[in-house]
């Protein structure tokens, strides 16, 4: 037999502290399903471009399990004027870290007369920077022929490009933590005008 039950609904602002915390947990677990990372990945690709890294695809997993991290597939070659371009577009805590990566790459290029190129591919089951397979080519020696040994450049280039992948991961983690912060979650709950029961369960 059908019956009508009246139930009092509450906005997020009307909940008590315990109910608000339950509502926040619901949002973080069930409502946070949009592609929040897209702008961060776009920024990472742009920063890579400024350093001479042309990124085709970024892989990542996070943020609490062993093996979490980020890696990318793409190609690298020296970009003249990278430092000026980077300083024109990047600021804050990111600039010193990205400059350090750029300086490491430039040091390699200087030794190789700016002929080093590299390709990066994801390898294995995980997505952290250690899963990037980096293949380095130094081109022809300026005096003719090819370099006898580029193993040092291979190692140093791999380290620098993996450092860039680690920076991508830290940027993703920072954005994720920001979007899941209490202040931002509260704003989202209020802006979307969700309604809850007195215990903070979504209705």
Foldseek 3Di string as FASTA:
>chain_A
DDDDDDADKDALVPADPQLNVVLLVCCVVPVPPDCLCVVLVVVLCVLCVLLQWHFDDKDFDDDPDPLGFIATWTKGFGDPPSLVVLVVPDDDPVNVLSVVLSVLLVVLCVVLVRQKMKTWDAADDGGALVRIDIDIDSPARPVGHHDPDCVVVRVSNSVSNNSSRRVSRVSSVVSSCVCSDPVNSVVVSNVVRFMDGNNNHTD
